[in-house]
N, C-alpha and C. Protein backbone atom coordinates (compact mmCIF):
# COMPACT_ATOMS: atom_id res chain seq x y z
N MET A 1 0.72 -0.93 0.04
CA MET A 1 -0.07 0.14 -0.08
C MET A 1 1.10 1.42 0.05
N GLN A 2 2.11 1.23 0.86
CA GLN A 2 2.98 2.26 0.79
C GLN A 2 3.48 2.74 -0.90
N GLN A 3 3.77 1.48 -1.43
CA GLN A 3 4.09 1.55 -2.64
C GLN A 3 3.26 2.16 -3.80
N LEU A 4 2.16 1.83 -3.31
CA LEU A 4 0.95 2.78 -4.14
C LEU A 4 1.06 3.82 -4.09
N MET A 5 0.91 4.30 -2.91
CA MET A 5 0.55 5.68 -2.33
C MET A 5 1.87 6.50 -2.88
N SER A 6 3.07 5.82 -2.77
CA SER A 6 4.36 6.52 -3.43
C SER A 6 4.29 6.72 -5.14
N ILE A 7 3.68 5.67 -5.69
CA ILE A 7 3.32 5.68 -7.35
C ILE A 7 2.28 6.86 -7.19
N MET A 8 1.52 7.27 -6.35
CA MET A 8 0.39 7.87 -6.77
C MET A 8 1.03 9.64 -6.34
N ALA A 9 2.02 9.51 -5.64
CA ALA A 9 2.64 11.22 -5.22
C ALA A 9 3.56 11.24 -6.60
N PHE A 10 4.02 10.31 -6.68
CA PHE A 10 4.64 10.74 -8.56
C PHE A 10 3.59 11.16 -9.53
N TYR A 11 2.73 10.40 -9.32
CA TYR A 11 1.76 10.72 -10.52
C TYR A 11 1.13 12.17 -10.46
N ARG A 12 1.09 12.33 -9.11
CA ARG A 12 0.49 13.89 -8.65
C ARG A 12 1.05 15.20 -9.52
N SER A 13 2.09 14.87 -9.70
CA SER A 13 3.08 16.19 -10.37
C SER A 13 2.68 16.14 -11.81
N TYR A 14 2.24 15.07 -12.45
CA TYR A 14 1.82 14.97 -13.87
C TYR A 14 0.15 14.92 -14.19
N VAL A 15 -0.43 14.75 -13.24
CA VAL A 15 -1.80 14.86 -13.21
C VAL A 15 -2.59 15.74 -14.12
N LEU A 16 -2.22 17.11 -13.71
CA LEU A 16 -2.64 18.37 -14.64
C LEU A 16 -2.31 18.03 -16.31
N TRP A 17 -1.44 17.66 -16.43
CA TRP A 17 -0.81 17.40 -18.19
C TRP A 17 -1.63 16.25 -18.46
N SER A 18 -1.75 15.33 -17.72
CA SER A 18 -2.63 14.22 -18.21
C SER A 18 -4.16 14.50 -18.65
N PHE A 19 -4.76 15.40 -17.62
CA PHE A 19 -6.36 15.86 -17.97
C PHE A 19 -6.27 16.84 -19.15
N LEU A 20 -5.31 17.65 -19.49
CA LEU A 20 -5.20 18.45 -20.82
C LEU A 20 -5.32 17.58 -21.80
N ILE A 21 -4.37 16.60 -21.84
CA ILE A 21 -4.29 15.63 -22.77
C ILE A 21 -5.43 14.85 -22.97
N ASN A 22 -5.92 14.55 -21.79
CA ASN A 22 -7.37 14.05 -22.07
C ASN A 22 -8.37 14.82 -22.73
N ILE A 23 -8.43 15.78 -22.38
CA ILE A 23 -9.40 16.97 -23.07
C ILE A 23 -9.03 17.01 -24.61
N ALA A 24 -7.88 16.93 -25.00
CA ALA A 24 -7.36 17.08 -26.13
C ALA A 24 -7.88 15.86 -26.99
N ILE A 25 -7.64 14.94 -26.29
CA ILE A 25 -8.05 13.61 -26.94
C ILE A 25 -9.50 13.67 -27.27
N THR A 26 -10.53 14.17 -26.44
CA THR A 26 -11.65 14.36 -26.44
C THR A 26 -12.13 15.21 -27.45
N ILE A 27 -11.29 16.24 -27.76
CA ILE A 27 -11.70 17.19 -29.03
C ILE A 27 -11.46 16.74 -30.04
N PHE A 28 -10.49 15.95 -30.46
CA PHE A 28 -9.97 15.68 -31.53
C PHE A 28 -10.53 14.58 -32.13
N ASN A 29 -10.44 13.21 -31.16
CA ASN A 29 -10.65 11.61 -31.47
C ASN A 29 -11.21 11.11 -30.15
N PRO A 30 -12.42 11.31 -29.86
CA PRO A 30 -12.96 10.30 -28.61
C PRO A 30 -12.84 8.73 -28.50
N ASN A 31 -11.91 8.67 -29.36
CA ASN A 31 -11.87 6.55 -29.42
C ASN A 31 -11.19 6.55 -28.55
N ILE A 32 -11.52 5.15 -27.88
CA ILE A 32 -11.23 4.57 -26.75
C ILE A 32 -9.64 4.19 -26.89
N PHE A 33 -9.62 3.55 -28.09
CA PHE A 33 -8.36 2.83 -28.34
C PHE A 33 -7.04 3.67 -28.88
N ALA A 34 -7.58 4.85 -29.44
CA ALA A 34 -6.65 5.84 -29.80
C ALA A 34 -6.21 6.56 -28.55
N ALA A 35 -6.86 6.72 -27.59
CA ALA A 35 -6.58 7.32 -26.28
C ALA A 35 -5.52 6.48 -25.87
N ILE A 36 -5.73 5.08 -25.60
CA ILE A 36 -4.71 4.24 -24.92
C ILE A 36 -3.54 4.28 -25.78
N VAL A 37 -3.37 4.31 -26.87
CA VAL A 37 -2.27 4.02 -28.02
C VAL A 37 -1.56 5.29 -27.45
N THR A 38 -2.21 6.83 -27.65
CA THR A 38 -1.58 7.95 -27.37
C THR A 38 -1.28 8.11 -25.73
N LYS A 39 -1.90 7.56 -24.73
CA LYS A 39 -1.39 7.55 -23.80
C LYS A 39 0.17 6.38 -23.25
N LEU A 40 -0.16 5.78 -24.28
CA LEU A 40 1.28 4.80 -23.79
C LEU A 40 2.00 5.27 -24.83
N LEU A 41 1.92 5.68 -25.61
CA LEU A 41 3.25 6.68 -26.39
C LEU A 41 3.77 7.85 -25.65
N LEU A 42 3.08 8.73 -24.90
CA LEU A 42 3.16 9.70 -23.80
C LEU A 42 3.86 9.05 -22.69
N THR A 43 3.74 7.86 -22.24
CA THR A 43 4.38 7.36 -20.91
C THR A 43 5.63 6.77 -21.46
N PHE A 44 5.69 6.30 -22.67
CA PHE A 44 7.07 6.07 -23.21
C PHE A 44 7.89 7.22 -23.12
N PHE A 45 7.25 8.34 -23.55
CA PHE A 45 8.15 9.84 -23.77
C PHE A 45 8.23 10.36 -22.50
N LEU A 46 7.48 10.39 -21.24
CA LEU A 46 7.95 10.69 -20.17
C LEU A 46 8.73 9.65 -19.53
N TRP A 47 9.05 8.45 -19.65
CA TRP A 47 10.06 7.55 -19.25
C TRP A 47 11.31 8.26 -19.97
N TYR A 48 11.48 8.50 -21.01
CA TYR A 48 12.62 8.90 -21.96
C TYR A 48 13.05 10.09 -21.40
N LEU A 49 11.89 10.66 -20.76
CA LEU A 49 12.44 12.34 -20.48
C LEU A 49 12.98 12.22 -19.02
N VAL A 50 12.56 11.33 -18.13
CA VAL A 50 12.90 11.62 -16.86
C VAL A 50 14.25 10.65 -16.86
N ASN A 51 14.33 9.61 -17.56
CA ASN A 51 15.80 8.79 -17.56
C ASN A 51 16.83 9.64 -18.14
N GLU A 52 16.62 10.98 -19.06
CA GLU A 52 17.86 11.44 -19.91
C GLU A 52 18.01 12.93 -18.93
N THR A 53 17.15 13.08 -18.24
CA THR A 53 17.32 14.52 -17.57
C THR A 53 17.74 14.33 -16.36
N SER A 54 18.14 15.74 -15.69
CA SER A 54 18.30 15.59 -14.12
C SER A 54 17.13 15.33 -13.45
N ALA A 55 16.05 15.20 -13.97
CA ALA A 55 14.90 14.40 -13.22
C ALA A 55 14.94 13.15 -12.77
N LYS A 56 16.28 12.54 -13.40
CA LYS A 56 16.51 10.96 -12.97
C LYS A 56 16.58 10.86 -11.51
N ARG A 57 16.99 12.02 -10.98
CA ARG A 57 17.50 11.89 -9.58
C ARG A 57 16.14 11.59 -8.48
N LYS A 58 14.96 11.92 -9.09
CA LYS A 58 13.72 11.55 -8.45
C LYS A 58 13.49 10.08 -8.34
N LEU A 59 14.03 9.45 -9.41
CA LEU A 59 13.77 8.09 -9.27
C LEU A 59 14.47 6.87 -8.49
N VAL A 60 15.59 7.85 -7.71
CA VAL A 60 16.37 7.23 -6.48
C VAL A 60 15.64 6.88 -5.50
N PHE A 61 14.61 7.91 -5.62
CA PHE A 61 13.69 7.77 -4.20
C PHE A 61 12.97 6.62 -4.02
N TYR A 62 12.46 6.49 -5.59
CA TYR A 62 11.53 5.28 -5.78
C TYR A 62 12.04 3.78 -5.59
N LYS A 63 13.43 3.99 -6.15
CA LYS A 63 14.43 3.03 -6.12
C LYS A 63 14.62 2.59 -4.65
N ASN A 64 14.65 3.32 -3.69
CA ASN A 64 15.13 3.12 -2.25
C ASN A 64 14.00 2.62 -1.61
N LEU A 65 12.62 2.62 -2.18
CA LEU A 65 11.45 2.35 -1.78
C LEU A 65 11.21 0.91 -2.24
N GLY A 66 12.06 0.32 -3.15
CA GLY A 66 11.91 -0.98 -3.33
C GLY A 66 11.12 -1.09 -5.27
N ILE A 67 10.65 0.14 -5.66
CA ILE A 67 10.07 0.15 -6.72
C ILE A 67 10.87 0.68 -8.10
N SER A 68 11.01 -0.53 -8.85
CA SER A 68 11.74 -0.43 -10.22
C SER A 68 11.02 0.47 -11.29
N THR A 69 11.70 0.97 -11.96
CA THR A 69 11.27 1.71 -12.87
C THR A 69 10.44 1.49 -14.03
N LEU A 70 10.43 -0.16 -14.37
CA LEU A 70 9.33 -0.64 -14.80
C LEU A 70 7.96 -0.53 -13.99
N LYS A 71 8.23 -1.19 -12.91
CA LYS A 71 6.56 -1.08 -12.10
C LYS A 71 6.04 0.73 -11.75
N LEU A 72 7.02 1.42 -11.53
CA LEU A 72 6.50 2.78 -11.43
C LEU A 72 5.97 3.37 -12.75
N PHE A 73 6.57 3.22 -14.00
CA PHE A 73 5.58 3.86 -14.89
C PHE A 73 4.69 2.97 -15.59
N SER A 74 4.66 1.46 -15.54
CA SER A 74 3.29 0.98 -15.84
C SER A 74 2.10 0.95 -14.85
N VAL A 75 2.53 1.08 -13.56
CA VAL A 75 1.32 1.35 -12.57
C VAL A 75 0.81 2.80 -12.93
N LEU A 76 1.96 3.74 -13.29
CA LEU A 76 1.53 5.03 -13.67
C LEU A 76 0.55 4.84 -15.10
N PHE A 77 0.81 4.07 -15.95
CA PHE A 77 0.16 4.18 -17.31
C PHE A 77 -1.51 3.37 -17.13
N PHE A 78 -1.47 2.49 -16.19
CA PHE A 78 -2.69 1.61 -15.71
C PHE A 78 -3.58 2.42 -15.07
N VAL A 79 -3.20 3.42 -14.09
CA VAL A 79 -3.76 4.33 -13.56
C VAL A 79 -4.35 5.63 -14.67
N ASP A 80 -3.39 6.01 -15.36
CA ASP A 80 -3.77 7.14 -15.82
C ASP A 80 -4.76 6.74 -17.34
N ILE A 81 -4.56 5.27 -17.78
CA ILE A 81 -5.58 4.64 -18.44
C ILE A 81 -7.19 4.54 -18.24
N LEU A 82 -7.13 4.05 -16.69
CA LEU A 82 -8.33 4.05 -16.05
C LEU A 82 -9.06 5.24 -15.65
N ILE A 83 -8.48 6.09 -15.47
CA ILE A 83 -8.73 7.80 -15.48
C ILE A 83 -9.51 8.15 -16.90
N THR A 84 -8.42 7.89 -17.98
CA THR A 84 -8.83 8.41 -18.99
C THR A 84 -10.05 7.61 -19.63
N ILE A 85 -10.27 6.47 -19.74
CA ILE A 85 -11.65 5.69 -19.91
C ILE A 85 -12.52 6.14 -19.55
N THR A 86 -12.31 6.36 -18.14
CA THR A 86 -13.54 7.08 -17.45
C THR A 86 -14.10 8.20 -17.79
N PHE A 87 -13.03 9.34 -17.88
CA PHE A 87 -13.29 10.38 -18.41
C PHE A 87 -14.12 10.36 -19.62
N LEU A 88 -13.29 9.16 -20.71
CA LEU A 88 -14.22 9.40 -22.24
C LEU A 88 -15.45 8.91 -22.15
N LEU A 89 -15.84 7.79 -21.29
CA LEU A 89 -16.84 7.35 -21.42
C LEU A 89 -18.04 7.99 -20.58
N LEU A 90 -17.64 8.89 -19.75
CA LEU A 90 -18.56 10.17 -19.07
C LEU A 90 -19.02 11.32 -20.27
N ILE A 91 -17.85 11.36 -21.02
CA ILE A 91 -17.92 12.61 -22.04
C ILE A 91 -19.05 12.12 -23.15
N LYS A 92 -19.01 10.73 -23.26
CA LYS A 92 -19.71 10.52 -24.85
C LYS A 92 -21.17 10.28 -24.43
N GLU A 93 -21.30 10.14 -22.77
CA GLU A 93 -22.70 9.75 -22.32
C GLU A 93 -23.35 11.15 -22.69
N PHE A 94 -22.57 12.41 -22.41
CA PHE A 94 -23.48 13.85 -22.49
C PHE A 94 -23.17 14.33 -23.49
N ILE A 95 -22.36 13.84 -24.74
CA ILE A 95 -22.40 14.68 -25.62
C ILE A 95 -23.04 13.87 -26.89
């Protein structure tokens, strides 16, 4: 449970960007499959960005907690997909 809360603390810094991307996906193509592919590509980009910049120091904290980089970004992706699918389904109901 502590690891999940730590991962959610990492996700908190990216939740605003994720929400803005959800809005953009809704405007351009509210297809769930396209949203999943887009979020997957953006998660790979985020992983690359964190690994290649000075933000890599943030990962040391998570490694000390026993959370690997793969686990961190895969849980981040699945939480983000859950939020995105919920958001798209709610928007589709009202539009």
